[in-house]
Amino acid sequence: MKEKLLPVLLLVACDYGSVLFCVIADLISGIRKSRSKGTPCTSFGLRRTVDKLSRYYLTLFGLSAVDLMIVISMLILADKAPVPPFPFLTSFGALCLALIEIKSILETADEKRDIRRTAAEILSRLKL
């Protein structure tokens, strides 16, 4: 059972590592963009990164818990399982979170401001 579980654990570690790598890349990209515009880096922006990483990992932990139950049940029913144990939800969640971060890196600050302005306008209309 150990030899079957090791590849699954390595894949989960790669999933978590790739999300961490993408968040750090987004942080570096944001710092570079703010420096190029002459805007100071504030603790608020850094706190947002930590908050984002904690929300991402909380999501991944939840998906991993469900995957763990599925993988363990597949390993217990090894003879009857139609597919090999694989953390589908964790890998899919990590892929989606990494794509969100890549999109964030590719967006310009003006595009992000437009989205925030649009969201603020929608919220102000809902309050009326």
N, C-alpha and C. Protein backbone atom coordinates (compact mmCIF):
# COMPACT_ATOMS: atom_id res chain seq x y z
N MET A 1 0.81 -1.19 0.00
CA MET A 1 0.00 0.00 0.00
C MET A 1 0.86 1.26 0.00
N LYS A 2 2.04 1.21 0.66
CA LYS A 2 2.94 2.37 0.68
C LYS A 2 3.39 2.75 -0.71
N GLU A 3 3.74 1.75 -1.51
CA GLU A 3 4.23 2.03 -2.86
C GLU A 3 3.15 2.61 -3.76
N LYS A 4 1.89 2.34 -3.45
CA LYS A 4 0.79 2.92 -4.22
C LYS A 4 0.48 4.34 -3.75
N LEU A 5 0.74 4.62 -2.49
CA LEU A 5 0.40 5.91 -1.92
C LEU A 5 1.46 6.98 -2.18
N LEU A 6 2.71 6.59 -2.36
CA LEU A 6 3.80 7.54 -2.56
C LEU A 6 3.60 8.42 -3.81
N PRO A 7 3.26 7.86 -4.97
CA PRO A 7 3.04 8.73 -6.13
C PRO A 7 1.89 9.72 -5.93
N VAL A 8 0.87 9.29 -5.21
CA VAL A 8 -0.27 10.18 -4.93
C VAL A 8 0.18 11.34 -4.05
N LEU A 9 0.96 11.04 -3.02
CA LEU A 9 1.46 12.08 -2.13
C LEU A 9 2.40 13.05 -2.85
N LEU A 10 3.23 12.52 -3.75
CA LEU A 10 4.11 13.39 -4.53
C LEU A 10 3.31 14.33 -5.44
N LEU A 11 2.25 13.82 -6.03
CA LEU A 11 1.41 14.65 -6.88
C LEU A 11 0.71 15.74 -6.08
N VAL A 12 0.22 15.40 -4.90
CA VAL A 12 -0.42 16.40 -4.03
C VAL A 12 0.60 17.46 -3.61
N ALA A 13 1.82 17.05 -3.29
CA ALA A 13 2.87 18.01 -2.94
C ALA A 13 3.17 18.93 -4.11
N CYS A 14 3.19 18.39 -5.32
CA CYS A 14 3.40 19.24 -6.51
C CYS A 14 2.24 20.20 -6.71
N ASP A 15 1.02 19.75 -6.43
CA ASP A 15 -0.15 20.63 -6.54
C ASP A 15 -0.02 21.82 -5.59
N TYR A 16 0.29 21.53 -4.33
CA TYR A 16 0.43 22.61 -3.34
C TYR A 16 1.61 23.51 -3.68
N GLY A 17 2.71 22.91 -4.13
CA GLY A 17 3.89 23.70 -4.49
C GLY A 17 3.64 24.60 -5.68
N SER A 18 2.88 24.11 -6.66
CA SER A 18 2.61 24.94 -7.84
C SER A 18 1.74 26.14 -7.49
N VAL A 19 0.79 25.96 -6.58
CA VAL A 19 -0.04 27.09 -6.14
C VAL A 19 0.83 28.11 -5.40
N LEU A 20 1.71 27.64 -4.52
CA LEU A 20 2.61 28.55 -3.81
C LEU A 20 3.51 29.28 -4.79
N PHE A 21 4.06 28.57 -5.77
CA PHE A 21 4.93 29.19 -6.77
C PHE A 21 4.18 30.28 -7.54
N CYS A 22 2.94 30.01 -7.95
CA CYS A 22 2.16 30.98 -8.72
C CYS A 22 1.81 32.22 -7.89
N VAL A 23 1.50 32.02 -6.61
CA VAL A 23 1.19 33.18 -5.74
C VAL A 23 2.44 34.03 -5.55
N ILE A 24 3.59 33.39 -5.36
CA ILE A 24 4.84 34.14 -5.21
C ILE A 24 5.17 34.87 -6.51
N ALA A 25 4.95 34.22 -7.65
CA ALA A 25 5.20 34.88 -8.94
C ALA A 25 4.28 36.09 -9.11
N ASP A 26 3.02 35.97 -8.68
CA ASP A 26 2.09 37.10 -8.74
C ASP A 26 2.54 38.22 -7.82
N LEU A 27 3.03 37.88 -6.65
CA LEU A 27 3.54 38.88 -5.71
C LEU A 27 4.73 39.63 -6.32
N ILE A 28 5.65 38.90 -6.88
CA ILE A 28 6.82 39.53 -7.51
C ILE A 28 6.39 40.40 -8.68
N SER A 29 5.45 39.91 -9.47
CA SER A 29 4.94 40.69 -10.60
C SER A 29 4.28 41.98 -10.11
N GLY A 30 3.49 41.88 -9.04
CA GLY A 30 2.84 43.07 -8.49
C GLY A 30 3.84 44.08 -7.95
N ILE A 31 4.88 43.59 -7.29
CA ILE A 31 5.91 44.50 -6.77
C ILE A 31 6.63 45.20 -7.92
N ARG A 32 6.95 44.45 -8.97
CA ARG A 32 7.61 45.06 -10.13
C ARG A 32 6.72 46.10 -10.80
N LYS A 33 5.43 45.79 -10.94
CA LYS A 33 4.51 46.74 -11.56
C LYS A 33 4.38 48.00 -10.73
N SER A 34 4.32 47.85 -9.41
CA SER A 34 4.18 49.03 -8.56
C SER A 34 5.46 49.87 -8.57
N ARG A 35 6.60 49.23 -8.61
CA ARG A 35 7.86 49.97 -8.69
C ARG A 35 7.99 50.71 -10.01
N SER A 36 7.55 50.09 -11.09
CA SER A 36 7.66 50.75 -12.40
C SER A 36 6.75 51.97 -12.49
N LYS A 37 5.65 51.96 -11.75
CA LYS A 37 4.74 53.11 -11.73
C LYS A 37 5.12 54.10 -10.64
N GLY A 38 6.08 53.74 -9.81
CA GLY A 38 6.49 54.62 -8.73
C GLY A 38 5.57 54.59 -7.52
N THR A 39 4.73 53.58 -7.44
CA THR A 39 3.82 53.42 -6.31
C THR A 39 4.52 52.62 -5.22
N PRO A 40 4.46 53.10 -3.98
CA PRO A 40 5.13 52.34 -2.90
C PRO A 40 4.39 51.04 -2.59
N CYS A 41 5.14 50.04 -2.20
CA CYS A 41 4.55 48.78 -1.75
C CYS A 41 4.11 48.97 -0.31
N THR A 42 2.87 48.63 -0.04
CA THR A 42 2.35 48.82 1.31
C THR A 42 2.11 47.48 1.98
N SER A 43 1.94 47.53 3.29
CA SER A 43 1.66 46.30 4.02
C SER A 43 0.28 45.77 3.66
N PHE A 44 -0.62 46.65 3.21
CA PHE A 44 -1.95 46.21 2.81
C PHE A 44 -1.87 45.23 1.64
N GLY A 45 -1.05 45.56 0.64
CA GLY A 45 -0.89 44.67 -0.51
C GLY A 45 -0.26 43.34 -0.12
N LEU A 46 0.71 43.40 0.78
CA LEU A 46 1.36 42.16 1.22
C LEU A 46 0.39 41.31 2.05
N ARG A 47 -0.44 41.97 2.87
CA ARG A 47 -1.45 41.23 3.64
C ARG A 47 -2.46 40.56 2.72
N ARG A 48 -2.79 41.23 1.60
CA ARG A 48 -3.72 40.63 0.63
C ARG A 48 -3.13 39.35 0.05
N THR A 49 -1.83 39.35 -0.18
CA THR A 49 -1.18 38.15 -0.71
C THR A 49 -1.25 37.01 0.31
N VAL A 50 -0.98 37.31 1.56
CA VAL A 50 -1.04 36.28 2.61
C VAL A 50 -2.47 35.78 2.76
N ASP A 51 -3.44 36.70 2.71
CA ASP A 51 -4.84 36.31 2.81
C ASP A 51 -5.24 35.42 1.63
N LYS A 52 -4.79 35.79 0.44
CA LYS A 52 -5.10 35.00 -0.75
C LYS A 52 -4.50 33.60 -0.62
N LEU A 53 -3.26 33.52 -0.18
CA LEU A 53 -2.61 32.21 -0.04
C LEU A 53 -3.33 31.36 1.00
N SER A 54 -3.77 31.96 2.10
CA SER A 54 -4.48 31.18 3.11
C SER A 54 -5.83 30.70 2.58
N ARG A 55 -6.53 31.54 1.81
CA ARG A 55 -7.81 31.10 1.23
C ARG A 55 -7.59 29.99 0.21
N TYR A 56 -6.54 30.11 -0.59
CA TYR A 56 -6.24 29.08 -1.58
C TYR A 56 -5.92 27.75 -0.90
N TYR A 57 -5.09 27.80 0.14
CA TYR A 57 -4.72 26.56 0.81
C TYR A 57 -5.89 25.96 1.58
N LEU A 58 -6.77 26.79 2.13
CA LEU A 58 -7.96 26.26 2.78
C LEU A 58 -8.82 25.51 1.77
N THR A 59 -8.94 26.07 0.58
CA THR A 59 -9.69 25.39 -0.49
C THR A 59 -9.02 24.07 -0.85
N LEU A 60 -7.71 24.10 -1.02
CA LEU A 60 -6.99 22.87 -1.37
C LEU A 60 -7.08 21.82 -0.26
N PHE A 61 -7.03 22.25 1.00
CA PHE A 61 -7.17 21.30 2.11
C PHE A 61 -8.53 20.61 2.07
N GLY A 62 -9.57 21.37 1.80
CA GLY A 62 -10.90 20.78 1.70
C GLY A 62 -11.00 19.77 0.56
N LEU A 63 -10.46 20.15 -0.60
CA LEU A 63 -10.46 19.24 -1.73
C LEU A 63 -9.61 18.00 -1.45
N SER A 64 -8.50 18.20 -0.76
CA SER A 64 -7.62 17.08 -0.42
C SER A 64 -8.28 16.12 0.56
N ALA A 65 -9.08 16.66 1.47
CA ALA A 65 -9.78 15.79 2.42
C ALA A 65 -10.75 14.87 1.69
N VAL A 66 -11.48 15.42 0.74
CA VAL A 66 -12.41 14.59 -0.05
C VAL A 66 -11.61 13.58 -0.88
N ASP A 67 -10.54 14.05 -1.52
CA ASP A 67 -9.70 13.14 -2.31
C ASP A 67 -9.12 12.03 -1.44
N LEU A 68 -8.71 12.37 -0.23
CA LEU A 68 -8.13 11.38 0.67
C LEU A 68 -9.14 10.27 0.96
N MET A 69 -10.38 10.66 1.21
CA MET A 69 -11.41 9.65 1.45
C MET A 69 -11.60 8.76 0.22
N ILE A 70 -11.58 9.37 -0.96
CA ILE A 70 -11.77 8.60 -2.20
C ILE A 70 -10.58 7.67 -2.43
N VAL A 71 -9.35 8.20 -2.29
CA VAL A 71 -8.16 7.40 -2.54
C VAL A 71 -8.06 6.24 -1.55
N ILE A 72 -8.32 6.50 -0.28
CA ILE A 72 -8.26 5.42 0.71
C ILE A 72 -9.29 4.35 0.41
N SER A 73 -10.49 4.77 0.05
CA SER A 73 -11.51 3.76 -0.26
C SER A 73 -11.12 2.97 -1.52
N MET A 74 -10.47 3.61 -2.48
CA MET A 74 -10.03 2.89 -3.68
C MET A 74 -8.90 1.92 -3.34
N LEU A 75 -8.02 2.31 -2.42
CA LEU A 75 -6.93 1.41 -2.04
C LEU A 75 -7.45 0.22 -1.25
N ILE A 76 -8.45 0.45 -0.43
CA ILE A 76 -9.04 -0.66 0.33
C ILE A 76 -9.75 -1.62 -0.61
N LEU A 77 -10.43 -1.07 -1.60
CA LEU A 77 -11.13 -1.90 -2.59
C LEU A 77 -10.27 -2.09 -3.84
N ALA A 78 -8.97 -2.34 -3.64
CA ALA A 78 -8.01 -2.36 -4.74
C ALA A 78 -8.40 -3.29 -5.89
N ASP A 79 -8.95 -4.42 -5.58
CA ASP A 79 -9.29 -5.37 -6.64
C ASP A 79 -10.51 -4.92 -7.44
N LYS A 80 -11.38 -4.16 -6.79
CA LYS A 80 -12.64 -3.80 -7.42
C LYS A 80 -12.64 -2.38 -8.00
N ALA A 81 -11.60 -1.59 -7.73
CA ALA A 81 -11.56 -0.20 -8.18
C ALA A 81 -11.29 -0.15 -9.69
N PRO A 82 -12.14 0.55 -10.46
CA PRO A 82 -11.96 0.61 -11.91
C PRO A 82 -10.83 1.55 -12.35
N VAL A 83 -10.46 2.50 -11.51
CA VAL A 83 -9.39 3.45 -11.86
C VAL A 83 -8.36 3.48 -10.74
N PRO A 84 -7.12 3.83 -11.07
CA PRO A 84 -6.11 3.92 -10.01
C PRO A 84 -6.38 5.12 -9.11
N PRO A 85 -5.89 5.08 -7.86
CA PRO A 85 -6.11 6.21 -6.96
C PRO A 85 -5.40 7.45 -7.49
N PHE A 86 -6.14 8.54 -7.55
CA PHE A 86 -5.62 9.78 -8.09
C PHE A 86 -6.36 10.94 -7.43
N PRO A 87 -5.66 11.97 -6.95
CA PRO A 87 -6.34 13.09 -6.30
C PRO A 87 -6.96 14.05 -7.32
N PHE A 88 -8.07 13.65 -7.91
CA PHE A 88 -8.69 14.43 -8.98
C PHE A 88 -9.04 15.84 -8.54
N LEU A 89 -9.73 15.97 -7.43
CA LEU A 89 -10.21 17.27 -6.99
C LEU A 89 -9.08 18.23 -6.63
N THR A 90 -8.07 17.71 -5.93
CA THR A 90 -6.94 18.55 -5.54
C THR A 90 -6.18 19.03 -6.77
N SER A 91 -5.95 18.14 -7.72
CA SER A 91 -5.22 18.53 -8.93
C SER A 91 -6.02 19.53 -9.76
N PHE A 92 -7.32 19.31 -9.87
CA PHE A 92 -8.16 20.24 -10.62
C PHE A 92 -8.23 21.60 -9.92
N GLY A 93 -8.36 21.59 -8.60
CA GLY A 93 -8.38 22.84 -7.84
C GLY A 93 -7.07 23.59 -7.96
N ALA A 94 -5.95 22.87 -7.87
CA ALA A 94 -4.64 23.52 -7.99
C ALA A 94 -4.46 24.10 -9.39
N LEU A 95 -4.92 23.39 -10.41
CA LEU A 95 -4.84 23.90 -11.78
C LEU A 95 -5.65 25.19 -11.93
N CYS A 96 -6.86 25.19 -11.41
CA CYS A 96 -7.71 26.38 -11.50
C CYS A 96 -7.10 27.56 -10.76
N LEU A 97 -6.57 27.33 -9.56
CA LEU A 97 -5.96 28.42 -8.79
C LEU A 97 -4.70 28.94 -9.48
N ALA A 98 -3.92 28.04 -10.07
CA ALA A 98 -2.73 28.48 -10.80
C ALA A 98 -3.11 29.30 -12.02
N LEU A 99 -4.16 28.91 -12.72
CA LEU A 99 -4.61 29.69 -13.88
C LEU A 99 -5.12 31.07 -13.47
N ILE A 100 -5.77 31.17 -12.33
CA ILE A 100 -6.21 32.47 -11.82
C ILE A 100 -5.00 33.37 -11.57
N GLU A 101 -3.97 32.81 -10.97
CA GLU A 101 -2.77 33.60 -10.69
C GLU A 101 -2.06 34.00 -11.98
N ILE A 102 -2.01 33.12 -12.95
CA ILE A 102 -1.38 33.46 -14.24
C ILE A 102 -2.16 34.59 -14.90
N LYS A 103 -3.48 34.53 -14.85
CA LYS A 103 -4.30 35.61 -15.41
C LYS A 103 -4.02 36.91 -14.68
N SER A 104 -3.86 36.84 -13.36
CA SER A 104 -3.56 38.03 -12.58
C SER A 104 -2.21 38.63 -12.96
N ILE A 105 -1.25 37.79 -13.24
CA ILE A 105 0.07 38.27 -13.65
C ILE A 105 -0.01 38.97 -15.00
N LEU A 106 -0.81 38.43 -15.91
CA LEU A 106 -0.90 38.97 -17.27
C LEU A 106 -1.76 40.23 -17.36
N GLU A 107 -2.63 40.47 -16.37
CA GLU A 107 -3.46 41.66 -16.39
C GLU A 107 -2.63 42.89 -16.06
N THR A 108 -3.01 44.01 -16.67
CA THR A 108 -2.37 45.26 -16.31
C THR A 108 -3.10 45.87 -15.13
N ALA A 109 -2.48 46.82 -14.48
CA ALA A 109 -3.10 47.45 -13.31
C ALA A 109 -4.37 48.19 -13.72
N ASP A 110 -4.39 48.76 -14.92
CA ASP A 110 -5.58 49.47 -15.39
C ASP A 110 -6.77 48.53 -15.52
N GLU A 111 -6.53 47.33 -16.04
CA GLU A 111 -7.61 46.35 -16.18
C GLU A 111 -8.17 45.97 -14.81
N LYS A 112 -7.29 45.81 -13.83
CA LYS A 112 -7.74 45.45 -12.48
C LYS A 112 -8.55 46.58 -11.88
N ARG A 113 -8.12 47.83 -12.12
CA ARG A 113 -8.86 48.97 -11.59
C ARG A 113 -10.24 49.04 -12.22
N ASP A 114 -10.34 48.75 -13.53
CA ASP A 114 -11.63 48.77 -14.20
C ASP A 114 -12.57 47.73 -13.60
N ILE A 115 -12.05 46.57 -13.30
CA ILE A 115 -12.87 45.51 -12.71
C ILE A 115 -13.35 45.94 -11.33
N ARG A 116 -12.46 46.54 -10.54
CA ARG A 116 -12.85 46.99 -9.20
C ARG A 116 -13.89 48.11 -9.30
N ARG A 117 -13.70 49.02 -10.24
CA ARG A 117 -14.64 50.11 -10.42
C ARG A 117 -16.01 49.57 -10.83
N THR A 118 -16.01 48.60 -11.74
CA THR A 118 -17.27 47.98 -12.18
C THR A 118 -17.95 47.28 -11.01
N ALA A 119 -17.19 46.57 -10.22
CA ALA A 119 -17.75 45.88 -9.05
C ALA A 119 -18.33 46.89 -8.06
N ALA A 120 -17.63 48.00 -7.87
CA ALA A 120 -18.12 49.03 -6.95
C ALA A 120 -19.42 49.64 -7.46
N GLU A 121 -19.50 49.84 -8.78
CA GLU A 121 -20.73 50.39 -9.36
C GLU A 121 -21.90 49.42 -9.19
N ILE A 122 -21.64 48.16 -9.40
CA ILE A 122 -22.70 47.15 -9.24
C ILE A 122 -23.19 47.12 -7.79
N LEU A 123 -22.24 47.14 -6.85
CA LEU A 123 -22.63 47.12 -5.44
C LEU A 123 -23.40 48.38 -5.05
N SER A 124 -23.01 49.53 -5.58
CA SER A 124 -23.72 50.76 -5.24
C SER A 124 -25.15 50.73 -5.80
N ARG A 125 -25.34 50.13 -6.95
CA ARG A 125 -26.68 50.02 -7.52
C ARG A 125 -27.55 49.04 -6.73
N LEU A 126 -26.94 48.02 -6.18
CA LEU A 126 -27.70 47.05 -5.40
C LEU A 126 -28.19 47.65 -4.08
N LYS A 127 -27.46 48.61 -3.55
CA LYS A 127 -27.85 49.24 -2.29
C LYS A 127 -29.03 50.16 -2.45
N LEU A 128 -29.29 50.62 -3.67
CA LEU A 128 -30.42 51.51 -3.90
C LEU A 128 -31.67 50.77 -3.86
